[in-house]
Structures are given as structure tokens and as C-alpha cells.
C-alpha atoms as a PDB file:
ATOM      1  CA  MET A   1     136.966  90.107  91.593  1.00  0.00           C
ATOM      2  CA  VAL A   2     134.224  91.397  93.850  1.00  0.00           C
ATOM      3  CA  THR A   3     134.499  95.125  94.296  1.00  0.00           C
ATOM      4  CA  GLY A   4     132.652  97.503  96.546  1.00  0.00           C
ATOM      5  CA  ALA A   5     133.181 100.871  98.121  1.00  0.00           C
ATOM      6  CA  PRO A   6     133.755 101.005 101.890  1.00  0.00           C
ATOM      7  CA  GLY A   7     130.687  99.907 103.817  1.00  0.00           C
ATOM      8  CA  ALA A   8     129.321  97.599 101.115  1.00  0.00           C
ATOM      9  CA  GLY A   9     129.807  94.492 103.255  1.00  0.00           C
ATOM     10  CA  LYS A  10     132.903  92.914 101.683  1.00  0.00           C
ATOM     11  CA  SER A  11     134.641  91.917 104.918  1.00  0.00           C
ATOM     12  CA  THR A  12     131.375  90.879 106.540  1.00  0.00           C
ATOM     13  CA  VAL A  13     130.465  88.480 103.721  1.00  0.00           C
ATOM     14  CA  ILE A  14     133.782  86.576 103.734  1.00  0.00           C
ATOM     15  CA  PRO A  15     132.957  84.098 106.528  1.00  0.00           C
ATOM     16  CA  GLU A  16     129.700  83.227 104.757  1.00  0.00           C
ATOM     17  CA  LEU A  17     131.475  82.775 101.409  1.00  0.00           C
ATOM     18  CA  VAL A  18     133.928  80.379 103.034  1.00  0.00           C
ATOM     19  CA  ARG A  19     131.185  78.526 104.911  1.00  0.00           C
ATOM     20  CA  LEU A  20     128.830  78.169 101.955  1.00  0.00           C
ATOM     21  CA  HIS A  21     131.240  77.331  99.153  1.00  0.00           C
ATOM     22  CA  SER A  22     131.369  73.585  98.660  1.00  0.00           C
ATOM     23  CA  GLY A  23     134.289  73.477  96.261  1.00  0.00           C
ATOM     24  CA  ASN A  24     137.855  74.506  95.762  1.00  0.00           C
ATOM     25  CA  LEU A  25     137.848  78.305  96.028  1.00  0.00           C
ATOM     26  CA  VAL A  26     140.271  80.656  97.756  1.00  0.00           C
ATOM     27  CA  VAL A  27     138.435  83.670  99.207  1.00  0.00           C
ATOM     28  CA  MET A  28     140.486  86.692 100.243  1.00  0.00           C
ATOM     29  CA  ASP A  29     139.919  90.348 101.085  1.00  0.00           C
ATOM     30  CA  MET A  30     142.551  92.972 100.247  1.00  0.00           C
ATOM     31  CA  ASP A  31     142.257  94.216 103.822  1.00  0.00           C
ATOM     32  CA  GLU A  32     143.554  90.900 105.166  1.00  0.00           C
ATOM     33  CA  LEU A  33     147.182  91.960 104.661  1.00  0.00           C
ATOM     34  CA  LEU A  34     146.657  95.019 106.846  1.00  0.00           C
ATOM     35  CA  ASP A  35     147.505  94.990 110.529  1.00  0.00           C
ATOM     36  CA  HIS A  36     145.075  96.144 113.241  1.00  0.00           C
ATOM     37  CA  GLU A  37     146.032  99.776 112.508  1.00  0.00           C
ATOM     38  CA  GLY A  38     145.296  99.457 108.778  1.00  0.00           C
ATOM     39  CA  LYS A  39     148.962  99.341 107.824  1.00  0.00           C
ATOM     40  CA  VAL A  40     151.012  97.051 105.609  1.00  0.00           C
ATOM     41  CA  LEU A  41     154.798  97.269 105.914  1.00  0.00           C
ATOM     42  CA  GLY A  42     154.272 100.304 108.153  1.00  0.00           C
ATOM     43  CA  ILE A  43     152.235 102.234 105.563  1.00  0.00           C
ATOM     44  CA  ASP A  44     148.637 103.274 106.257  1.00  0.00           C
ATOM     45  CA  ILE A  45     147.632 102.024 102.828  1.00  0.00           C
ATOM     46  CA  ALA A  46     144.011 103.175 103.002  1.00  0.00           C
ATOM     47  CA  ASP A  47     144.944 106.792 103.705  1.00  0.00           C
ATOM     48  CA  SER A  48     145.045 109.115 100.693  1.00  0.00           C
ATOM     49  CA  THR A  49     148.564 110.193 101.706  1.00  0.00           C
ATOM     50  CA  ALA A  50     149.669 106.681 100.685  1.00  0.00           C
ATOM     51  CA  ALA A  51     148.279 107.062  97.147  1.00  0.00           C
ATOM     52  CA  ALA A  52     151.763 106.828  95.648  1.00  0.00           C
ATOM     53  CA  ASN A  53     151.985 103.287  97.098  1.00  0.00           C
ATOM     54  CA  TRP A  54     148.619 102.062  95.780  1.00  0.00           C
ATOM     55  CA  PRO A  55     149.917 100.805  92.407  1.00  0.00           C
ATOM     56  CA  ALA A  56     152.565  98.709  94.184  1.00  0.00           C
ATOM     57  CA  TYR A  57     149.966  97.333  96.613  1.00  0.00           C
ATOM     58  CA  ASN A  58     147.670  96.457  93.711  1.00  0.00           C
ATOM     59  CA  ALA A  59     150.591  94.799  91.913  1.00  0.00           C
ATOM     60  CA  LEU A  60     151.289  92.753  95.041  1.00  0.00           C
ATOM     61  CA  TRP A  61     147.693  91.496  95.038  1.00  0.00           C
ATOM     62  CA  LEU A  62     147.851  90.755  91.339  1.00  0.00           C
ATOM     63  CA  ARG A  63     150.936  88.638  91.993  1.00  0.00           C
ATOM     64  CA  ILE A  64     149.227  86.839  94.908  1.00  0.00           C
ATOM     65  CA  THR A  65     146.241  86.005  92.700  1.00  0.00           C
ATOM     66  CA  GLU A  66     148.569  84.766  89.944  1.00  0.00           C
ATOM     67  CA  LEU A  67     150.401  82.494  92.380  1.00  0.00           C
ATOM     68  CA  ILE A  68     147.181  80.974  93.668  1.00  0.00           C
ATOM     69  CA  ARG A  69     145.644  80.540  90.218  1.00  0.00           C
ATOM     70  CA  ARG A  70     148.875  78.937  88.995  1.00  0.00           C
ATOM     71  CA  SER A  71     148.031  76.020  91.263  1.00  0.00           C
ATOM     72  CA  GLY A  72     144.773  75.573  89.362  1.00  0.00           C
ATOM     73  CA  THR A  73     142.735  76.874  92.274  1.00  0.00           C
ATOM     74  CA  PRO A  74     140.118  79.533  91.512  1.00  0.00           C
ATOM     75  CA  MET A  75     140.321  82.682  93.571  1.00  0.00           C
ATOM     76  CA  LEU A  76     137.781  85.255  94.662  1.00  0.00           C
ATOM     77  CA  LEU A  77     139.321  88.559  95.755  1.00  0.00           C
ATOM     78  CA  LEU A  78     137.190  91.195  97.478  1.00  0.00           C
ATOM     79  CA  SER A  79     138.519  94.730  97.167  1.00  0.00           C
ATOM     80  CA  PRO A  80     137.585  98.365  96.597  1.00  0.00           C
ATOM     81  CA  LEU A  81     139.428  98.351  93.252  1.00  0.00           C
ATOM     82  CA  VAL A  82     137.974  98.900  89.799  1.00  0.00           C
ATOM     83  CA  PRO A  83     138.959  97.116  86.564  1.00  0.00           C
ATOM     84  CA  ARG A  84     141.515  99.737  85.459  1.00  0.00           C
ATOM     85  CA  GLU A  85     143.410  99.201  88.738  1.00  0.00           C
ATOM     86  CA  MET A  86     143.426  95.397  88.497  1.00  0.00           C
ATOM     87  CA  PRO A  87     142.643  94.317  84.942  1.00  0.00           C
ATOM     88  CA  GLU A  88     142.510  90.591  85.700  1.00  0.00           C
ATOM     89  CA  GLY A  89     139.431  88.417  85.880  1.00  0.00           C
ATOM     90  CA  ARG A  90     135.692  88.935  85.910  1.00  0.00           C
ATOM     91  CA  TRP A  91     134.090  91.643  88.012  1.00  0.00           C
ATOM     92  CA  LEU A  92     131.066  91.825  90.296  1.00  0.00           C
ATOM     93  CA  HIS A  93     129.968  94.766  92.433  1.00  0.00           C
ATOM     94  CA  LEU A  94     128.764  94.288  96.013  1.00  0.00           C
ATOM     95  CA  ASP A  95     126.648  97.375  96.552  1.00  0.00           C
ATOM     96  CA  CYS A  96     124.257  98.907  99.042  1.00  0.00           C
ATOM     97  CA  PRO A  97     122.173 102.077  99.128  1.00  0.00           C
ATOM     98  CA  ASP A  98     124.086 105.189 100.110  1.00  0.00           C
ATOM     99  CA  SER A  99     121.919 105.575 103.223  1.00  0.00           C
ATOM    100  CA  VAL A 100     123.026 102.114 104.424  1.00  0.00           C
ATOM    101  CA  ARG A 101     126.662 102.877 103.601  1.00  0.00           C
ATOM    102  CA  ARG A 102     126.459 106.201 105.450  1.00  0.00           C
ATOM    103  CA  LYS A 103     125.063 104.501 108.564  1.00  0.00           C
ATOM    104  CA  ARG A 104     127.649 101.684 108.505  1.00  0.00           C
ATOM    105  CA  LEU A 105     130.578 104.048 108.099  1.00  0.00           C
ATOM    106  CA  ALA A 106     129.271 106.435 110.780  1.00  0.00           C
ATOM    107  CA  GLN A 107     129.134 103.441 113.149  1.00  0.00           C
ATOM    108  CA  ARG A 108     132.832 102.874 112.396  1.00  0.00           C
ATOM    109  CA  GLY A 109     133.530 106.458 113.418  1.00  0.00           C
ATOM    110  CA  TRP A 110     134.263 107.758 109.928  1.00  0.00           C
ATOM    111  CA  SER A 111     134.211 111.532 109.404  1.00  0.00           C
ATOM    112  CA  ASP A 112     131.605 113.143 107.172  1.00  0.00           C
ATOM    113  CA  GLN A 113     134.336 113.850 104.609  1.00  0.00           C
ATOM    114  CA  HIS A 114     135.464 110.214 104.462  1.00  0.00           C
ATOM    115  CA  ILE A 115     131.854 109.039 104.201  1.00  0.00           C
ATOM    116  CA  ALA A 116     131.285 111.440 101.298  1.00  0.00           C
ATOM    117  CA  GLU A 117     134.388 110.047  99.585  1.00  0.00           C
ATOM    118  CA  ALA A 118     133.095 106.486 100.041  1.00  0.00           C
ATOM    119  CA  ILE A 119     129.745 107.472  98.545  1.00  0.00           C
ATOM    120  CA  ALA A 120     131.546 109.056  95.586  1.00  0.00           C
ATOM    121  CA  ASP A 121     133.602 105.856  95.197  1.00  0.00           C
ATOM    122  CA  ALA A 122     130.380 103.837  95.169  1.00  0.00           C
ATOM    123  CA  ALA A 123     128.962 106.019  92.391  1.00  0.00           C
ATOM    124  CA  GLU A 124     132.113 105.487  90.303  1.00  0.00           C
ATOM    125  CA  ILE A 125     132.074 101.729  90.845  1.00  0.00           C
ATOM    126  CA  ARG A 126     128.416 101.586  89.795  1.00  0.00           C
ATOM    127  CA  LYS A 127     129.423 103.088  86.439  1.00  0.00           C
ATOM    128  CA  LEU A 128     132.471 100.868  85.917  1.00  0.00           C
ATOM    129  CA  VAL A 129     131.076  97.543  87.190  1.00  0.00           C
ATOM    130  CA  PRO A 130     127.366  97.521  86.408  1.00  0.00           C
ATOM    131  CA  ARG A 131     126.734  93.900  87.418  1.00  0.00           C
ATOM    132  CA  SER A 132     125.987  93.954  91.125  1.00  0.00           C
ATOM    133  CA  VAL A 133     124.520  92.075  94.034  1.00  0.00           C
ATOM    134  CA  PRO A 134     122.925  93.789  97.023  1.00  0.00           C
ATOM    135  CA  GLY A 135     124.977  94.092 100.181  1.00  0.00           C
ATOM    136  CA  GLU A 136     122.271  95.430 102.460  1.00  0.00           C
ATOM    137  CA  GLY A 137     120.677  92.074 103.260  1.00  0.00           C
ATOM    138  CA  THR A 138     122.189  89.419 105.474  1.00  0.00           C
ATOM    139  CA  PRO A 139     125.774  88.345 104.802  1.00  0.00           C
ATOM    140  CA  GLU A 140     124.462  84.880 103.928  1.00  0.00           C
ATOM    141  CA  GLU A 141     122.113  86.306 101.284  1.00  0.00           C
ATOM    142  CA  SER A 142     124.927  88.317  99.721  1.00  0.00           C
ATOM    143  CA  ALA A 143     127.283  85.330  99.839  1.00  0.00           C
ATOM    144  CA  ARG A 144     124.762  83.106  98.087  1.00  0.00           C
ATOM    145  CA  LEU A 145     124.343  85.660  95.291  1.00  0.00           C
ATOM    146  CA  ILE A 146     128.112  86.058  94.904  1.00  0.00           C
ATOM    147  CA  LEU A 147     128.639  82.291  94.789  1.00  0.00           C
ATOM    148  CA  ALA A 148     125.903  81.918  92.165  1.00  0.00           C
ATOM    149  CA  TRP A 149     127.854  84.418  90.053  1.00  0.00           C
ATOM    150  CA  VAL A 150     131.114  82.508  90.692  1.00  0.00           C
ATOM    151  CA  ASP A 151     129.465  79.260  89.573  1.00  0.00           C
ATOM    152  CA  GLU A 152     128.262  80.755  86.264  1.00  0.00           C
END
């Protein structure tokens, strides 16, 4: 599991992870089930009003990872979750300075309130998943660091 608060670079690093990995590894991002409006099964899963659905969404991803791993194929899932929400596997934190996160999220059109929430999420993840790699460099640099961790 590679976790990171919004703006850490999770989605951006995926193409580099796929390109650089020379073995048998499934790389997925939790956002890949969402449609272009951020919905899954008609629910805006990222919105706090959908919080009652988050445990079911997490359980769905846990089942997907189990199905893939059952085949003997290792899986790397990128998500904003923390270990208590998905207790499977090893954890790594893709992180970036709050100033970088703020700039990235502002470029996406996020409100000040949502940016503050993402920064608070980042602080929580730093406490819960202390092993991290920097996400403020190039996506290739971050991918190489993540893959070195995977290969350990």
C-alpha cells in the first residue's frame, strides 16, 4: 500500500511505476474506479457526504487486492487510506511539503477549506505511516523510490 493525502502525486506516479517496473506487479490507484465526475455507482465517493459508504468502498478494494494476490501476482495499491482503514499489507507514504500540496490542489480548483482538510490528512498520515518517499520531485524519481521499497 502506498498512501498519500490529496496532492502527494499518487496518480501522477502511476505511469512511471508501470513503465519502470520490470517484473510481475499490478499497479492500481483507488481513484481508477471513479468516473470522470469522481463517482462510483453514482456516489461521489470522495465527498464527505459519502462517508457512510467509505467502509464499503474500502472493503471492495480489499476484495480486489485479495483476488489479484490469489493469482500469485503482487499488487501495489495507491490510495489516501491509512492502515486502520485497510489493514492488509505493508505501507509506504508518498509525501510532499504542505506548500507543494497547497499549490497543486489550488491548481485543481480546490477550495481553501478542502486544501486545509488535505493538509490535515497529510499530517495524520505522517504520524500513522512514518516511512515515506518524497513526492515533490519528478514522477520518475518518486516511482524509482517506491519500486526500491517494493523490491525490499
